[in-house]
Amino acid sequence: MSINVVVLTGAGISAESGLGTFRAADGLWEAHRIEDVATPEAFMRNPGLVHDFYNARRRQLRDVEPNAAHWALAEFEKAHDGDFLLITQNVDDLHKRAGSRQLASMHGDLLSMRCLACDTVAKIQEDLSAAAVCQSCNQSGVLRPDIVWFGEMPYHLSPIHDALSCCGLFVAIGTSGNVYPAAGFVQTAKAAGARCIELNLEKTSGEHFFDDSRYGPASKTVPGFFDSLY
């Protein structure tokens, strides 16, 4: 199979590994308002609260493992003889741990921090505090999670658009289809002539954009679909 393949994953694929999805039905994210933990203004207002929130999420990663859907995507990438790009809206490292390499983490990386003073990005495993000192510029109080918050521009949009514009197959997995720009990726791929497939736990509002939709847990639908391509 030599066609170019682009895959988009959302919170649904990580939920099966035990990670909470972004927003609960009551609009809260682990009992926090989005405006209090996921905006630049929230960080300026109360950096301690924001750091505590992401420290807890970072610690959660130690207790979870990639599931069958993550492994299936990594195996497909290894076997595929055409271009491949895996775009994820998730900030966890489960795709990386499963072995995915052509990976565009458009919303950042929970295991990275960024300096507001010198723009250095560095890996992190431990908790981060508002008083932490940047090892590059030696300033304190300038380190933030390397996460794309509401109101900020997602990462890797140019290579993502390039890949979508020449793909032959686009697959959206475990994503609500409500958050832009990711919600518009299917339309870009469709305009390029791609076959568009949705693998989700249930129907989404963007179902009509896809050529085929398959419903069920990602750990079942993803291995089944990608195995069927060969």
Protein backbone atom coordinates (compact mmCIF):
# COMPACT_ATOMS: atom_id res chain seq x y z
CA MET A 1 0.00 0.00 0.00
CA SER A 2 1.93 3.05 -1.24
CA ILE A 3 -0.67 5.80 -0.79
CA ASN A 4 0.03 8.67 1.59
CA VAL A 5 -1.75 8.19 4.93
CA VAL A 6 -2.58 10.81 7.55
CA VAL A 7 -4.06 9.83 10.92
CA LEU A 8 -5.55 12.18 13.52
CA THR A 9 -6.01 10.98 17.10
CA GLY A 10 -7.87 12.59 19.96
CA ALA A 11 -8.63 11.96 23.62
CA GLY A 12 -10.65 8.83 22.88
CA ILE A 13 -7.57 6.77 22.08
CA SER A 14 -5.85 7.67 25.36
CA ALA A 15 -9.00 7.24 27.45
CA GLU A 16 -8.75 3.49 27.00
CA SER A 17 -5.34 3.57 28.65
CA GLY A 18 -6.90 5.24 31.68
CA LEU A 19 -6.26 8.92 30.96
CA GLY A 20 -9.18 11.29 31.44
CA THR A 21 -10.60 13.07 28.42
CA PHE A 22 -10.17 16.82 28.10
CA ARG A 23 -13.57 17.98 29.22
CA ALA A 24 -16.25 16.19 31.22
CA ALA A 25 -19.97 16.47 30.54
CA ASP A 26 -20.26 19.23 33.16
CA GLY A 27 -17.68 21.35 31.34
CA LEU A 28 -15.00 20.78 33.96
CA TRP A 29 -11.57 19.24 33.48
CA GLU A 30 -10.75 17.18 36.56
CA ALA A 31 -12.84 19.58 38.68
CA HIS A 32 -11.17 22.70 37.20
CA ARG A 33 -12.62 25.32 34.90
CA ILE A 34 -10.79 25.42 31.57
CA GLU A 35 -10.32 29.16 32.04
CA ASP A 36 -8.39 28.50 35.27
CA VAL A 37 -5.84 25.98 34.01
CA ALA A 38 -5.64 26.07 30.21
CA THR A 39 -5.16 29.65 29.08
CA PRO A 40 -2.16 32.02 29.09
CA GLU A 41 -4.21 34.37 31.28
CA ALA A 42 -4.71 31.62 33.87
CA PHE A 43 -0.96 31.06 34.04
CA MET A 44 -0.26 34.75 34.53
CA ARG A 45 -2.96 34.98 37.19
CA ASN A 46 -2.13 31.85 39.20
CA PRO A 47 0.95 29.94 37.96
CA GLY A 48 0.99 27.77 41.08
CA LEU A 49 -2.47 26.36 40.37
CA VAL A 50 -1.61 25.73 36.72
CA HIS A 51 1.63 23.96 37.63
CA ASP A 52 -0.15 21.82 40.23
CA PHE A 53 -2.70 20.79 37.63
CA TYR A 54 -0.14 19.74 35.03
CA ASN A 55 2.12 18.13 37.63
CA ALA A 56 -0.78 15.84 38.55
CA ARG A 57 -1.43 14.99 34.91
CA ARG A 58 2.29 14.31 34.37
CA ARG A 59 2.32 11.91 37.31
CA GLN A 60 -0.67 10.07 35.83
CA LEU A 61 1.47 9.05 32.85
CA ARG A 62 3.56 6.82 35.11
CA ASP A 63 0.55 4.62 35.78
CA VAL A 64 -0.67 4.04 32.22
CA GLU A 65 0.56 2.16 29.16
CA PRO A 66 -0.16 2.33 25.42
CA ASN A 67 -3.14 0.24 24.38
CA ALA A 68 -3.79 -1.90 21.31
CA ALA A 69 -4.73 1.15 19.21
CA HIS A 70 -1.41 2.88 19.90
CA TRP A 71 0.52 -0.29 19.07
CA ALA A 72 -1.47 -0.87 15.87
CA LEU A 73 -0.66 2.61 14.55
CA ALA A 74 3.03 2.20 15.30
CA GLU A 75 3.12 -1.19 13.56
CA PHE A 76 1.31 0.21 10.53
CA GLU A 77 3.81 3.05 10.26
CA LYS A 78 6.71 0.58 10.27
CA ALA A 79 5.14 -1.58 7.57
CA HIS A 80 3.74 1.19 5.36
CA ASP A 81 5.72 1.97 2.20
CA GLY A 82 4.12 5.35 1.48
CA ASP A 83 4.29 8.64 3.36
CA PHE A 84 2.70 8.58 6.80
CA LEU A 85 1.94 11.25 9.40
CA LEU A 86 0.30 10.73 12.77
CA ILE A 87 -1.23 13.96 14.10
CA THR A 88 -2.31 13.86 17.72
CA GLN A 89 -4.31 16.32 19.76
CA ASN A 90 -3.15 14.53 22.90
CA VAL A 91 -0.30 15.76 25.08
CA ASP A 92 0.64 12.39 26.57
CA ASP A 93 3.57 10.23 25.39
CA LEU A 94 1.65 7.03 24.64
CA HIS A 95 2.16 7.19 20.87
CA LYS A 96 5.90 7.67 21.37
CA ARG A 97 6.09 4.79 23.83
CA ALA A 98 4.32 2.53 21.34
CA GLY A 99 6.96 3.37 18.72
CA SER A 100 5.33 6.03 16.50
CA ARG A 101 7.98 8.22 14.88
CA GLN A 102 6.30 10.38 12.21
CA LEU A 103 4.38 12.22 14.91
CA ALA A 104 3.03 15.78 15.04
CA SER A 105 1.88 16.66 18.57
CA MET A 106 -0.15 19.72 17.69
CA HIS A 107 -1.13 20.62 21.25
CA GLY A 108 2.29 20.20 22.83
CA ASP A 109 3.93 17.70 25.14
CA LEU A 110 3.16 17.13 28.80
CA LEU A 111 6.76 16.00 29.33
CA SER A 112 8.25 19.27 28.06
CA MET A 113 8.57 22.74 29.53
CA ARG A 114 9.13 26.04 27.77
CA CYS A 115 10.87 29.19 29.00
CA LEU A 116 8.93 32.42 28.47
CA ALA A 117 12.17 34.43 28.68
CA CYS A 118 14.46 32.64 26.21
CA ASP A 119 11.99 30.24 24.48
CA THR A 120 14.10 27.19 25.36
CA VAL A 121 12.17 23.91 25.31
CA ALA A 122 13.43 21.09 27.53
CA LYS A 123 12.20 17.67 28.60
CA ILE A 124 10.83 17.22 32.10
CA GLN A 125 9.80 14.25 34.23
CA GLU A 126 9.53 15.79 37.68
CA ASP A 127 7.09 18.33 39.10
CA LEU A 128 7.50 21.95 38.02
CA SER A 129 6.96 24.94 40.32
CA ALA A 130 6.38 28.64 39.74
CA ALA A 131 9.80 29.32 41.28
CA ALA A 132 11.72 26.91 39.03
CA VAL A 133 14.84 28.29 37.35
CA CYS A 134 15.51 27.97 33.63
CA GLN A 135 18.81 26.16 33.06
CA SER A 136 19.45 28.16 29.89
CA CYS A 137 18.91 31.76 31.02
CA ASN A 138 18.98 31.31 34.83
CA GLN A 139 15.75 33.24 35.33
CA SER A 140 13.12 32.04 37.77
CA GLY A 141 9.35 32.13 37.42
CA VAL A 142 9.49 31.87 33.63
CA LEU A 143 8.96 28.14 33.02
CA ARG A 144 5.57 26.91 31.81
CA PRO A 145 4.23 23.59 30.54
CA ASP A 146 4.89 23.20 26.81
CA ILE A 147 1.17 22.90 26.16
CA VAL A 148 -0.89 24.76 23.57
CA TRP A 149 -3.58 26.51 25.58
CA PHE A 150 -6.83 28.06 24.41
CA GLY A 151 -6.06 31.19 22.45
CA GLU A 152 -2.66 29.91 21.28
CA MET A 153 -1.62 28.60 17.86
CA PRO A 154 -1.23 24.81 17.57
CA TYR A 155 2.16 23.42 16.59
CA HIS A 156 3.19 21.95 13.21
CA LEU A 157 0.29 23.39 11.19
CA SER A 158 2.37 23.90 8.04
CA PRO A 159 3.64 20.28 7.71
CA ILE A 160 0.21 19.03 8.76
CA HIS A 161 -1.46 21.01 5.97
CA ASP A 162 1.14 19.78 3.46
CA ALA A 163 0.50 16.15 4.44
CA LEU A 164 -3.28 16.54 4.29
CA SER A 165 -3.07 18.19 0.88
CA CYS A 166 -1.49 15.15 -0.73
CA CYS A 167 -2.86 12.21 1.25
CA GLY A 168 -4.87 9.37 -0.18
CA LEU A 169 -6.29 8.15 3.13
CA PHE A 170 -7.27 10.19 6.18
CA VAL A 171 -8.33 8.46 9.41
CA ALA A 172 -9.72 10.29 12.45
CA ILE A 173 -9.64 8.30 15.69
CA GLY A 174 -11.27 9.13 19.01
CA THR A 175 -11.80 12.82 18.37
CA SER A 176 -15.01 14.80 18.83
CA GLY A 177 -14.60 16.86 15.67
CA ASN A 178 -15.62 20.00 17.54
CA VAL A 179 -12.27 21.74 18.09
CA TYR A 180 -10.65 23.69 15.25
CA PRO A 181 -8.36 23.62 13.40
CA ALA A 182 -8.31 19.82 13.79
CA ALA A 183 -12.04 19.58 13.07
CA GLY A 184 -11.37 20.95 9.58
CA PHE A 185 -8.65 18.45 8.66
CA VAL A 186 -11.14 16.03 7.13
CA GLN A 187 -12.33 18.72 4.72
CA THR A 188 -8.76 19.51 3.64
CA ALA A 189 -8.07 15.82 3.06
CA LYS A 190 -11.35 15.34 1.19
CA ALA A 191 -10.54 18.28 -1.07
CA ALA A 192 -7.29 16.49 -1.94
CA GLY A 193 -9.26 13.42 -3.00
CA ALA A 194 -8.53 11.31 0.07
CA ARG A 195 -10.73 8.53 1.34
CA CYS A 196 -11.80 9.67 4.82
CA ILE A 197 -12.55 7.24 7.66
CA GLU A 198 -13.82 7.93 11.16
CA LEU A 199 -13.13 5.48 13.99
CA ASN A 200 -14.92 6.60 17.12
CA LEU A 201 -16.78 5.37 20.16
CA GLU A 202 -19.98 7.01 18.92
CA LYS A 203 -21.31 9.27 16.17
CA THR A 204 -19.95 12.81 15.93
CA SER A 205 -21.36 15.99 14.43
CA GLY A 206 -18.87 15.72 11.54
CA GLU A 207 -19.88 12.21 10.53
CA HIS A 208 -21.23 13.40 7.18
CA PHE A 209 -17.75 14.50 6.06
CA PHE A 210 -16.43 10.93 6.15
CA ASP A 211 -16.78 8.20 3.56
CA ASP A 212 -17.12 5.56 6.26
CA SER A 213 -17.56 5.59 10.04
CA ARG A 214 -16.95 2.68 12.38
CA TYR A 215 -17.94 2.75 16.02
CA GLY A 216 -16.53 1.01 19.07
CA PRO A 217 -13.53 1.14 21.40
CA ALA A 218 -10.34 2.30 19.67
CA SER A 219 -8.50 -0.78 20.94
CA LYS A 220 -10.84 -2.84 18.73
CA THR A 221 -11.62 -0.63 15.74
CA VAL A 222 -8.09 0.65 15.09
CA PRO A 223 -6.28 -2.72 14.86
CA GLY A 224 -9.17 -4.13 12.87
CA PHE A 225 -9.21 -1.30 10.34
CA PHE A 226 -5.47 -1.07 9.75
CA ASP A 227 -5.14 -4.86 9.50
CA SER A 228 -7.77 -4.74 6.76
CA LEU A 229 -5.59 -2.49 4.61
CA TYR A 230 -3.27 -5.39 3.77
